[in-house]
Amino acid sequence: MLQELIDLVEPHKYDHPELYKYLMITWTACKYNSTLQACNVTGAIMLQHHLSEFDGEIMRFYEKEMAAMRKEPAFWQNQLVEEPICKAMVENWESIRDEVISLKETHPKWFAKYPKFKIEDPETNETVRMYDNDWTITALSRLSENYEAENNRAEKTGGSSLEKLVKRYRNKLLPTLNNIVDQPDKDEILTNIFVSILSPGAIIRPHQGYSKNYMRIHMGLVCDPKCKLTVGDETRTWEPGKLLAFKDGGPYYHSVVHNGINDRFILSFDLKLDYLEQYINNY
């Protein structure tokens, strides 16, 4: 029975390494377990039953990862409408937009070019630049510990000092935003807050983030309908005061193409998936 499941999962082992690992551990252990070895089990129901008898942790991984292999949503914003942080962001979006625009005008040096990191093209496996043309950001919080690689690279480009500087003055220069994010930031529910400005002609190539522990949430501030975000096989465009939410670390790749004529301003922040389980507990 386990061999059948391993054969099913084999093509997805790089997308779901933990599931594959646990299956291989289970398969090896079953050789030395007479109860399971004696079971002639076929079908998903009996498989789940005996996996749960064997090891609850394996069973939890099995259920979680098999759910991920099903067609889960590319975008999650409709499930977050009652989440308090998201709700407060939307209710105060115009004030947040005005504060961000004022910050850009009064402190332009706080906005830096996003480093042109190298990524692996998921189709060709070639190493390419993450994006072309202009992509500017200002970080409003420290990146979480799960983004260690990105933290290290940000420090090499001066990004870390900018984060510390902007966060120091966040209360003064972005009071509406700070009132919403300050406590969740301290509680480590919310992290990786930044303003992202994308210029016409910019392309961000398909990629995944470094951590599967967060939901990335974008709120449109100044938008162009021809600047579009693709997650998996679904494409959306940002709208002022509205959210787009997706899992930065996968299972889907995401990319952006800006074919419009105006700079696109968004506020981006991450919420822990563990915290969000109460709102998205169907997956």
C-alpha atoms as a PDB file:
ATOM      1  CA  MET A   1       0.000   0.000   0.000  1.00  0.00           C
ATOM      2  CA  LEU A   2       2.758   2.439   0.895  1.00  0.00           C
ATOM      3  CA  GLN A   3       4.576   1.678  -2.334  1.00  0.00           C
ATOM      4  CA  GLU A   4       1.470   2.781  -4.244  1.00  0.00           C
ATOM      5  CA  LEU A   5       1.405   6.053  -2.334  1.00  0.00           C
ATOM      6  CA  ILE A   6       5.132   6.582  -2.852  1.00  0.00           C
ATOM      7  CA  ASP A   7       4.639   6.066  -6.583  1.00  0.00           C
ATOM      8  CA  LEU A   8       1.864   8.651  -6.513  1.00  0.00           C
ATOM      9  CA  VAL A   9       3.942  11.207  -4.627  1.00  0.00           C
ATOM     10  CA  GLU A  10       7.230  10.582  -6.474  1.00  0.00           C
ATOM     11  CA  PRO A  11       6.590  13.189  -9.234  1.00  0.00           C
ATOM     12  CA  HIS A  12       5.876  15.795  -6.525  1.00  0.00           C
ATOM     13  CA  LYS A  13       8.742  14.977  -4.162  1.00  0.00           C
ATOM     14  CA  TYR A  14      10.606  18.235  -4.789  1.00  0.00           C
ATOM     15  CA  ASP A  15       7.473  20.285  -4.145  1.00  0.00           C
ATOM     16  CA  HIS A  16       6.602  18.250  -1.042  1.00  0.00           C
ATOM     17  CA  PRO A  17       9.906  17.014   0.402  1.00  0.00           C
ATOM     18  CA  GLU A  18       8.589  16.541   3.936  1.00  0.00           C
ATOM     19  CA  LEU A  19       5.773  14.283   2.796  1.00  0.00           C
ATOM     20  CA  TYR A  20       8.158  12.217   0.687  1.00  0.00           C
ATOM     21  CA  LYS A  21      10.604  11.940   3.573  1.00  0.00           C
ATOM     22  CA  TYR A  22       7.933  10.730   5.955  1.00  0.00           C
ATOM     23  CA  LEU A  23       6.653   8.206   3.449  1.00  0.00           C
ATOM     24  CA  MET A  24      10.119   6.766   2.987  1.00  0.00           C
ATOM     25  CA  ILE A  25      10.617   6.597   6.759  1.00  0.00           C
ATOM     26  CA  THR A  26       7.272   4.846   7.106  1.00  0.00           C
ATOM     27  CA  TRP A  27       8.055   2.396   4.308  1.00  0.00           C
ATOM     28  CA  THR A  28      11.359   1.479   5.969  1.00  0.00           C
ATOM     29  CA  ALA A  29       9.795   1.156   9.409  1.00  0.00           C
ATOM     30  CA  CYS A  30       6.988  -1.050   8.096  1.00  0.00           C
ATOM     31  CA  LYS A  31       9.503  -3.738   7.238  1.00  0.00           C
ATOM     32  CA  TYR A  32       9.986  -4.244  10.953  1.00  0.00           C
ATOM     33  CA  ASN A  33       6.399  -3.856  12.095  1.00  0.00           C
ATOM     34  CA  SER A  34       4.450  -7.097  11.898  1.00  0.00           C
ATOM     35  CA  THR A  35       1.046  -5.462  12.373  1.00  0.00           C
ATOM     36  CA  LEU A  36       1.378  -3.178   9.403  1.00  0.00           C
ATOM     37  CA  GLN A  37       3.288  -5.709   7.369  1.00  0.00           C
ATOM     38  CA  ALA A  38       0.425  -8.170   7.776  1.00  0.00           C
ATOM     39  CA  CYS A  39      -2.179  -5.674   6.589  1.00  0.00           C
ATOM     40  CA  ASN A  40      -3.198  -6.086   2.994  1.00  0.00           C
ATOM     41  CA  VAL A  41      -4.579  -2.566   2.583  1.00  0.00           C
ATOM     42  CA  THR A  42      -5.675  -0.769  -0.548  1.00  0.00           C
ATOM     43  CA  GLY A  43      -7.617   2.454  -0.899  1.00  0.00           C
ATOM     44  CA  ALA A  44      -7.179   5.833   0.727  1.00  0.00           C
ATOM     45  CA  ILE A  45      -9.509   5.255   3.707  1.00  0.00           C
ATOM     46  CA  MET A  46      -7.693   2.168   4.983  1.00  0.00           C
ATOM     47  CA  LEU A  47      -4.340   3.755   4.201  1.00  0.00           C
ATOM     48  CA  GLN A  48      -5.192   6.751   6.357  1.00  0.00           C
ATOM     49  CA  HIS A  49      -6.433   4.455   9.123  1.00  0.00           C
ATOM     50  CA  HIS A  50      -3.237   2.447   9.321  1.00  0.00           C
ATOM     51  CA  LEU A  51      -0.978   5.470   8.934  1.00  0.00           C
ATOM     52  CA  SER A  52      -2.762   7.080  11.871  1.00  0.00           C
ATOM     53  CA  GLU A  53      -2.299   3.907  13.935  1.00  0.00           C
ATOM     54  CA  PHE A  54       1.365   3.794  13.059  1.00  0.00           C
ATOM     55  CA  ASP A  55       2.344   7.399  13.763  1.00  0.00           C
ATOM     56  CA  GLY A  56       0.091  10.400  14.359  1.00  0.00           C
ATOM     57  CA  GLU A  57       2.744  12.834  13.146  1.00  0.00           C
ATOM     58  CA  ILE A  58       3.073  10.983   9.857  1.00  0.00           C
ATOM     59  CA  MET A  59      -0.697  11.040   9.496  1.00  0.00           C
ATOM     60  CA  ARG A  60      -0.840  14.797  10.060  1.00  0.00           C
ATOM     61  CA  PHE A  61       1.843  15.341   7.452  1.00  0.00           C
ATOM     62  CA  TYR A  62       0.033  13.033   5.060  1.00  0.00           C
ATOM     63  CA  GLU A  63      -3.257  14.909   5.379  1.00  0.00           C
ATOM     64  CA  LYS A  64      -1.654  18.337   5.185  1.00  0.00           C
ATOM     65  CA  GLU A  65       0.590  17.622   2.224  1.00  0.00           C
ATOM     66  CA  MET A  66      -1.988  15.684   0.245  1.00  0.00           C
ATOM     67  CA  ALA A  67      -4.340  18.652   0.704  1.00  0.00           C
ATOM     68  CA  ALA A  68      -1.616  20.899  -0.665  1.00  0.00           C
ATOM     69  CA  MET A  69      -1.293  18.650  -3.693  1.00  0.00           C
ATOM     70  CA  ARG A  70      -4.967  19.181  -4.393  1.00  0.00           C
ATOM     71  CA  LYS A  71      -6.020  22.400  -6.058  1.00  0.00           C
ATOM     72  CA  GLU A  72      -5.871  24.859  -3.185  1.00  0.00           C
ATOM     73  CA  PRO A  73      -6.619  28.556  -3.841  1.00  0.00           C
ATOM     74  CA  ALA A  74      -3.987  30.719  -5.469  1.00  0.00           C
ATOM     75  CA  PHE A  75      -5.451  33.813  -3.776  1.00  0.00           C
ATOM     76  CA  TRP A  76      -6.790  33.971  -0.216  1.00  0.00           C
ATOM     77  CA  GLN A  77      -8.016  37.543   0.354  1.00  0.00           C
ATOM     78  CA  ASN A  78     -11.688  36.528   0.403  1.00  0.00           C
ATOM     79  CA  GLN A  79     -11.020  34.405   3.474  1.00  0.00           C
ATOM     80  CA  LEU A  80      -9.322  37.258   5.334  1.00  0.00           C
ATOM     81  CA  VAL A  81     -12.048  39.909   5.285  1.00  0.00           C
ATOM     82  CA  GLU A  82     -12.770  39.480   9.011  1.00  0.00           C
ATOM     83  CA  GLU A  83      -9.155  39.172  10.116  1.00  0.00           C
ATOM     84  CA  PRO A  84      -8.616  42.290  12.307  1.00  0.00           C
ATOM     85  CA  ILE A  85      -5.308  43.496  10.845  1.00  0.00           C
ATOM     86  CA  CYS A  86      -6.495  43.130   7.244  1.00  0.00           C
ATOM     87  CA  LYS A  87      -9.811  44.744   8.120  1.00  0.00           C
ATOM     88  CA  ALA A  88      -8.090  47.734   9.742  1.00  0.00           C
ATOM     89  CA  MET A  89      -5.788  48.141   6.747  1.00  0.00           C
ATOM     90  CA  VAL A  90      -8.715  48.301   4.328  1.00  0.00           C
ATOM     91  CA  GLU A  91     -10.723  50.661   6.533  1.00  0.00           C
ATOM     92  CA  ASN A  92      -7.786  53.091   6.747  1.00  0.00           C
ATOM     93  CA  TRP A  93      -6.268  52.627   3.322  1.00  0.00           C
ATOM     94  CA  GLU A  94      -6.610  56.236   2.156  1.00  0.00           C
ATOM     95  CA  SER A  95      -4.775  57.598   5.197  1.00  0.00           C
ATOM     96  CA  ILE A  96      -2.082  54.955   4.767  1.00  0.00           C
ATOM     97  CA  ARG A  97      -1.751  55.854   1.080  1.00  0.00           C
ATOM     98  CA  ASP A  98      -1.365  59.549   1.876  1.00  0.00           C
ATOM     99  CA  GLU A  99       1.263  58.817   4.524  1.00  0.00           C
ATOM    100  CA  VAL A 100       3.249  56.626   2.125  1.00  0.00           C
ATOM    101  CA  ILE A 101       3.150  59.214  -0.664  1.00  0.00           C
ATOM    102  CA  SER A 102       4.244  61.910   1.790  1.00  0.00           C
ATOM    103  CA  LEU A 103       7.100  59.683   2.974  1.00  0.00           C
ATOM    104  CA  LYS A 104       8.224  59.176  -0.633  1.00  0.00           C
ATOM    105  CA  GLU A 105       8.207  62.927  -1.250  1.00  0.00           C
ATOM    106  CA  THR A 106       9.920  63.985   1.981  1.00  0.00           C
ATOM    107  CA  HIS A 107      12.371  61.108   2.433  1.00  0.00           C
ATOM    108  CA  PRO A 108      13.169  59.785  -1.073  1.00  0.00           C
ATOM    109  CA  LYS A 109      16.512  58.359   0.049  1.00  0.00           C
ATOM    110  CA  TRP A 110      14.677  55.906   2.273  1.00  0.00           C
ATOM    111  CA  PHE A 111      13.430  54.183  -0.880  1.00  0.00           C
ATOM    112  CA  ALA A 112      16.024  51.882  -2.427  1.00  0.00           C
ATOM    113  CA  LYS A 113      16.222  49.694  -5.490  1.00  0.00           C
ATOM    114  CA  TYR A 114      15.307  46.121  -4.694  1.00  0.00           C
ATOM    115  CA  PRO A 115      18.470  44.008  -5.106  1.00  0.00           C
ATOM    116  CA  LYS A 116      18.563  42.071  -8.353  1.00  0.00           C
ATOM    117  CA  PHE A 117      18.893  38.667  -6.775  1.00  0.00           C
ATOM    118  CA  LYS A 118      19.476  35.638  -8.950  1.00  0.00           C
ATOM    119  CA  ILE A 119      16.802  32.946  -9.077  1.00  0.00           C
ATOM    120  CA  GLU A 120      16.336  29.674 -10.914  1.00  0.00           C
ATOM    121  CA  ASP A 121      13.847  29.795 -13.762  1.00  0.00           C
ATOM    122  CA  PRO A 122      11.292  27.058 -12.932  1.00  0.00           C
ATOM    123  CA  GLU A 123      10.852  26.136 -16.610  1.00  0.00           C
ATOM    124  CA  THR A 124      14.421  26.230 -17.931  1.00  0.00           C
ATOM    125  CA  ASN A 125      16.336  25.745 -14.641  1.00  0.00           C
ATOM    126  CA  GLU A 126      18.615  28.558 -15.788  1.00  0.00           C
ATOM    127  CA  THR A 127      19.888  31.207 -13.376  1.00  0.00           C
ATOM    128  CA  VAL A 128      18.279  34.571 -14.149  1.00  0.00           C
ATOM    129  CA  ARG A 129      17.730  37.947 -12.516  1.00  0.00           C
ATOM    130  CA  MET A 130      14.597  38.106 -10.423  1.00  0.00           C
ATOM    131  CA  TYR A 131      13.382  41.245 -12.185  1.00  0.00           C
ATOM    132  CA  ASP A 132      14.053  43.779 -14.953  1.00  0.00           C
ATOM    133  CA  ASN A 133      13.678  47.584 -14.897  1.00  0.00           C
ATOM    134  CA  ASP A 134      12.713  49.546 -11.779  1.00  0.00           C
ATOM    135  CA  TRP A 135      11.486  48.045  -8.513  1.00  0.00           C
ATOM    136  CA  THR A 136      11.830  50.267  -5.440  1.00  0.00           C
ATOM    137  CA  ILE A 137      11.007  49.456  -1.822  1.00  0.00           C
ATOM    138  CA  THR A 138      11.287  50.804   1.685  1.00  0.00           C
ATOM    139  CA  ALA A 139      11.213  48.316   4.548  1.00  0.00           C
ATOM    140  CA  LEU A 140       9.073  49.214   7.559  1.00  0.00           C
ATOM    141  CA  SER A 141      10.059  46.283   9.764  1.00  0.00           C
ATOM    142  CA  ARG A 142      12.790  43.726  10.107  1.00  0.00           C
ATOM    143  CA  LEU A 143      12.401  40.662   7.939  1.00  0.00           C
ATOM    144  CA  SER A 144      11.458  37.614   9.964  1.00  0.00           C
ATOM    145  CA  GLU A 145      14.054  35.061  11.043  1.00  0.00           C
ATOM    146  CA  ASN A 146      12.672  32.678   8.408  1.00  0.00           C
ATOM    147  CA  TYR A 147      14.038  34.995   5.723  1.00  0.00           C
ATOM    148  CA  GLU A 148      17.643  34.595   6.887  1.00  0.00           C
ATOM    149  CA  ALA A 149      19.094  34.430   3.373  1.00  0.00           C
ATOM    150  CA  GLU A 150      17.219  37.532   2.308  1.00  0.00           C
ATOM    151  CA  ASN A 151      18.225  39.323   5.521  1.00  0.00           C
ATOM    152  CA  ASN A 152      21.880  38.625   4.820  1.00  0.00           C
ATOM    153  CA  ARG A 153      21.628  39.923   1.271  1.00  0.00           C
ATOM    154  CA  ALA A 154      19.678  42.991   2.375  1.00  0.00           C
ATOM    155  CA  GLU A 155      22.405  43.903   4.834  1.00  0.00           C
ATOM    156  CA  LYS A 156      25.002  43.798   2.073  1.00  0.00           C
ATOM    157  CA  THR A 157      23.006  46.379   0.099  1.00  0.00           C
ATOM    158  CA  GLY A 158      22.371  48.681   3.056  1.00  0.00           C
ATOM    159  CA  GLY A 159      18.796  47.482   3.411  1.00  0.00           C
ATOM    160  CA  SER A 160      19.150  46.593   7.072  1.00  0.00           C
ATOM    161  CA  SER A 161      20.177  50.126   8.078  1.00  0.00           C
ATOM    162  CA  LEU A 162      17.225  51.537   6.134  1.00  0.00           C
ATOM    163  CA  GLU A 163      14.856  49.187   7.939  1.00  0.00           C
ATOM    164  CA  LYS A 164      16.141  50.327  11.324  1.00  0.00           C
ATOM    165  CA  LEU A 165      15.942  53.991  10.343  1.00  0.00           C
ATOM    166  CA  VAL A 166      12.424  53.833   8.949  1.00  0.00           C
ATOM    167  CA  LYS A 167      11.107  51.697  11.812  1.00  0.00           C
ATOM    168  CA  ARG A 168      12.508  54.215  14.287  1.00  0.00           C
ATOM    169  CA  TYR A 169      10.402  56.983  12.720  1.00  0.00           C
ATOM    170  CA  ARG A 170       7.401  54.859  11.739  1.00  0.00           C
ATOM    171  CA  ASN A 171       5.233  56.237  14.518  1.00  0.00           C
ATOM    172  CA  LYS A 172       5.977  59.826  13.536  1.00  0.00           C
ATOM    173  CA  LEU A 173       5.806  59.575   9.757  1.00  0.00           C
ATOM    174  CA  LEU A 174       3.272  56.766   9.285  1.00  0.00           C
ATOM    175  CA  PRO A 175       1.004  57.097  12.347  1.00  0.00           C
ATOM    176  CA  THR A 176      -2.069  55.397  10.872  1.00  0.00           C
ATOM    177  CA  LEU A 177      -0.089  52.403   9.684  1.00  0.00           C
ATOM    178  CA  ASN A 178       1.915  52.248  12.909  1.00  0.00           C
ATOM    179  CA  ASN A 179      -1.227  52.154  15.043  1.00  0.00           C
ATOM    180  CA  ILE A 180      -2.337  49.045  13.152  1.00  0.00           C
ATOM    181  CA  VAL A 181       0.944  47.147  12.915  1.00  0.00           C
ATOM    182  CA  ASP A 182       2.924  48.091  16.012  1.00  0.00           C
ATOM    183  CA  GLN A 183       1.509  45.526  18.449  1.00  0.00           C
ATOM    184  CA  PRO A 184       1.175  42.637  15.938  1.00  0.00           C
ATOM    185  CA  ASP A 185       4.758  43.391  14.893  1.00  0.00           C
ATOM    186  CA  LYS A 186       5.923  43.107  18.519  1.00  0.00           C
ATOM    187  CA  ASP A 187       3.866  39.939  18.950  1.00  0.00           C
ATOM    188  CA  GLU A 188       5.533  38.482  15.826  1.00  0.00           C
ATOM    189  CA  ILE A 189       2.185  37.765  14.227  1.00  0.00           C
ATOM    190  CA  LEU A 190       2.946  40.243  11.474  1.00  0.00           C
ATOM    191  CA  THR A 191       6.311  40.835   9.840  1.00  0.00           C
ATOM    192  CA  ASN A 192       8.105  41.816   6.611  1.00  0.00           C
ATOM    193  CA  ILE A 193       6.236  45.111   6.176  1.00  0.00           C
ATOM    194  CA  PHE A 194       7.350  47.155   3.189  1.00  0.00           C
ATOM    195  CA  VAL A 195       6.181  49.556   0.511  1.00  0.00           C
ATOM    196  CA  SER A 196       6.749  48.301  -3.023  1.00  0.00           C
ATOM    197  CA  ILE A 197       6.838  50.635  -6.034  1.00  0.00           C
ATOM    198  CA  LEU A 198       6.955  49.104  -9.490  1.00  0.00           C
ATOM    199  CA  SER A 199       7.606  51.234 -12.570  1.00  0.00           C
ATOM    200  CA  PRO A 200       6.048  50.704 -16.013  1.00  0.00           C
ATOM    201  CA  GLY A 201       7.879  48.062 -18.015  1.00  0.00           C
ATOM    202  CA  ALA A 202       9.019  46.142 -14.957  1.00  0.00           C
ATOM    203  CA  ILE A 203       8.922  42.342 -14.941  1.00  0.00           C
ATOM    204  CA  ILE A 204       9.301  40.146 -11.849  1.00  0.00           C
ATOM    205  CA  ARG A 205       9.959  36.593 -12.966  1.00  0.00           C
ATOM    206  CA  PRO A 206       8.249  33.506 -11.515  1.00  0.00           C
ATOM    207  CA  HIS A 207       9.645  32.648  -8.104  1.00  0.00           C
ATOM    208  CA  GLN A 208       8.758  31.486  -4.603  1.00  0.00           C
ATOM    209  CA  GLY A 209       9.675  33.055  -1.282  1.00  0.00           C
ATOM    210  CA  TYR A 210      12.021  31.588   1.291  1.00  0.00           C
ATOM    211  CA  SER A 211       9.449  30.627   3.914  1.00  0.00           C
ATOM    212  CA  LYS A 212       6.268  28.566   3.799  1.00  0.00           C
ATOM    213  CA  ASN A 213       5.184  29.905   7.203  1.00  0.00           C
ATOM    214  CA  TYR A 214       3.548  33.134   6.049  1.00  0.00           C
ATOM    215  CA  MET A 215       0.720  34.539   3.978  1.00  0.00           C
ATOM    216  CA  ARG A 216       1.855  37.512   1.927  1.00  0.00           C
ATOM    217  CA  ILE A 217      -0.755  40.257   1.722  1.00  0.00           C
ATOM    218  CA  HIS A 218      -0.705  43.222  -0.648  1.00  0.00           C
ATOM    219  CA  MET A 219      -2.902  46.298  -0.322  1.00  0.00           C
ATOM    220  CA  GLY A 220      -3.241  48.521  -3.362  1.00  0.00           C
ATOM    221  CA  LEU A 221      -2.390  52.191  -2.781  1.00  0.00           C
ATOM    222  CA  VAL A 222      -1.753  53.674  -6.238  1.00  0.00           C
ATOM    223  CA  CYS A 223      -2.602  51.205  -8.971  1.00  0.00           C
ATOM    224  CA  ASP A 224      -2.477  50.682 -12.714  1.00  0.00           C
ATOM    225  CA  PRO A 225      -4.900  48.115 -14.189  1.00  0.00           C
ATOM    226  CA  LYS A 226      -2.215  46.866 -16.570  1.00  0.00           C
ATOM    227  CA  CYS A 227       0.138  45.929 -13.753  1.00  0.00           C
ATOM    228  CA  LYS A 228      -0.765  42.325 -12.997  1.00  0.00           C
ATOM    229  CA  LEU A 229       0.166  39.614 -10.514  1.00  0.00           C
ATOM    230  CA  THR A 230       0.061  35.954 -11.489  1.00  0.00           C
ATOM    231  CA  VAL A 231      -0.022  33.207  -8.853  1.00  0.00           C
ATOM    232  CA  GLY A 232      -0.094  29.716 -10.282  1.00  0.00           C
ATOM    233  CA  ASP A 233      -2.412  29.974 -13.273  1.00  0.00           C
ATOM    234  CA  GLU A 234      -4.517  32.874 -11.924  1.00  0.00           C
ATOM    235  CA  THR A 235      -3.853  36.524 -12.775  1.00  0.00           C
ATOM    236  CA  ARG A 236      -5.187  39.529 -10.865  1.00  0.00           C
ATOM    237  CA  THR A 237      -4.548  43.244 -10.773  1.00  0.00           C
ATOM    238  CA  TRP A 238      -4.253  45.442  -7.707  1.00  0.00           C
ATOM    239  CA  GLU A 239      -7.028  47.880  -6.851  1.00  0.00           C
ATOM    240  CA  PRO A 240      -6.846  50.864  -4.468  1.00  0.00           C
ATOM    241  CA  GLY A 241      -7.848  49.894  -0.938  1.00  0.00           C
ATOM    242  CA  LYS A 242      -8.253  46.199  -1.764  1.00  0.00           C
ATOM    243  CA  LEU A 243      -6.181  43.194  -0.785  1.00  0.00           C
ATOM    244  CA  LEU A 244      -4.500  40.386  -2.670  1.00  0.00           C
ATOM    245  CA  ALA A 245      -3.199  37.526  -0.535  1.00  0.00           C
ATOM    246  CA  PHE A 246      -1.119  34.511  -1.519  1.00  0.00           C
ATOM    247  CA  LYS A 247       1.366  32.070  -0.020  1.00  0.00           C
ATOM    248  CA  ASP A 248       4.740  33.565  -0.838  1.00  0.00           C
ATOM    249  CA  GLY A 249       6.568  30.291  -0.200  1.00  0.00           C
ATOM    250  CA  GLY A 250       4.362  28.205  -2.480  1.00  0.00           C
ATOM    251  CA  PRO A 251       2.957  25.830  -3.520  1.00  0.00           C
ATOM    252  CA  TYR A 252       2.571  28.140  -6.524  1.00  0.00           C
ATOM    253  CA  TYR A 253       5.077  30.384  -8.243  1.00  0.00           C
ATOM    254  CA  HIS A 254       4.189  34.066  -8.566  1.00  0.00           C
ATOM    255  CA  SER A 255       5.259  36.767 -10.997  1.00  0.00           C
ATOM    256  CA  VAL A 256       4.425  40.346 -12.033  1.00  0.00           C
ATOM    257  CA  VAL A 257       4.260  42.137 -15.382  1.00  0.00           C
ATOM    258  CA  HIS A 258       3.732  45.910 -15.537  1.00  0.00           C
ATOM    259  CA  ASN A 259       2.438  46.927 -18.969  1.00  0.00           C
ATOM    260  CA  GLY A 260       0.797  50.127 -17.721  1.00  0.00           C
ATOM    261  CA  ILE A 261       1.845  53.774 -17.683  1.00  0.00           C
ATOM    262  CA  ASN A 262       1.841  54.682 -13.970  1.00  0.00           C
ATOM    263  CA  ASP A 263       3.949  53.626 -11.001  1.00  0.00           C
ATOM    264  CA  ARG A 264       2.222  51.026  -8.867  1.00  0.00           C
ATOM    265  CA  PHE A 265       2.376  51.534  -5.082  1.00  0.00           C
ATOM    266  CA  ILE A 266       1.383  48.734  -2.715  1.00  0.00           C
ATOM    267  CA  LEU A 267       1.808  47.987   0.971  1.00  0.00           C
ATOM    268  CA  SER A 268       3.053  44.437   1.548  1.00  0.00           C
ATOM    269  CA  PHE A 269       3.036  42.536   4.830  1.00  0.00           C
ATOM    270  CA  ASP A 270       3.161  38.926   6.000  1.00  0.00           C
ATOM    271  CA  LEU A 271       0.929  37.197   8.550  1.00  0.00           C
ATOM    272  CA  LYS A 272       1.858  33.890  10.157  1.00  0.00           C
ATOM    273  CA  LEU A 273      -0.088  30.959   8.775  1.00  0.00           C
ATOM    274  CA  ASP A 274      -0.338  29.430  12.239  1.00  0.00           C
ATOM    275  CA  TYR A 275      -2.175  32.553  13.365  1.00  0.00           C
ATOM    276  CA  LEU A 276      -4.374  32.557  10.252  1.00  0.00           C
ATOM    277  CA  GLU A 277      -5.563  28.975  10.694  1.00  0.00           C
ATOM    278  CA  GLN A 278      -8.698  30.256  12.447  1.00  0.00           C
ATOM    279  CA  TYR A 279      -9.639  32.116   9.239  1.00  0.00           C
ATOM    280  CA  ILE A 280      -8.472  29.621   6.596  1.00  0.00           C
ATOM    281  CA  ASN A 281      -9.040  26.379   8.474  1.00  0.00           C
ATOM    282  CA  ASN A 282     -10.502  24.615   5.452  1.00  0.00           C
ATOM    283  CA  TYR A 283      -6.982  24.117   4.112  1.00  0.00           C
END
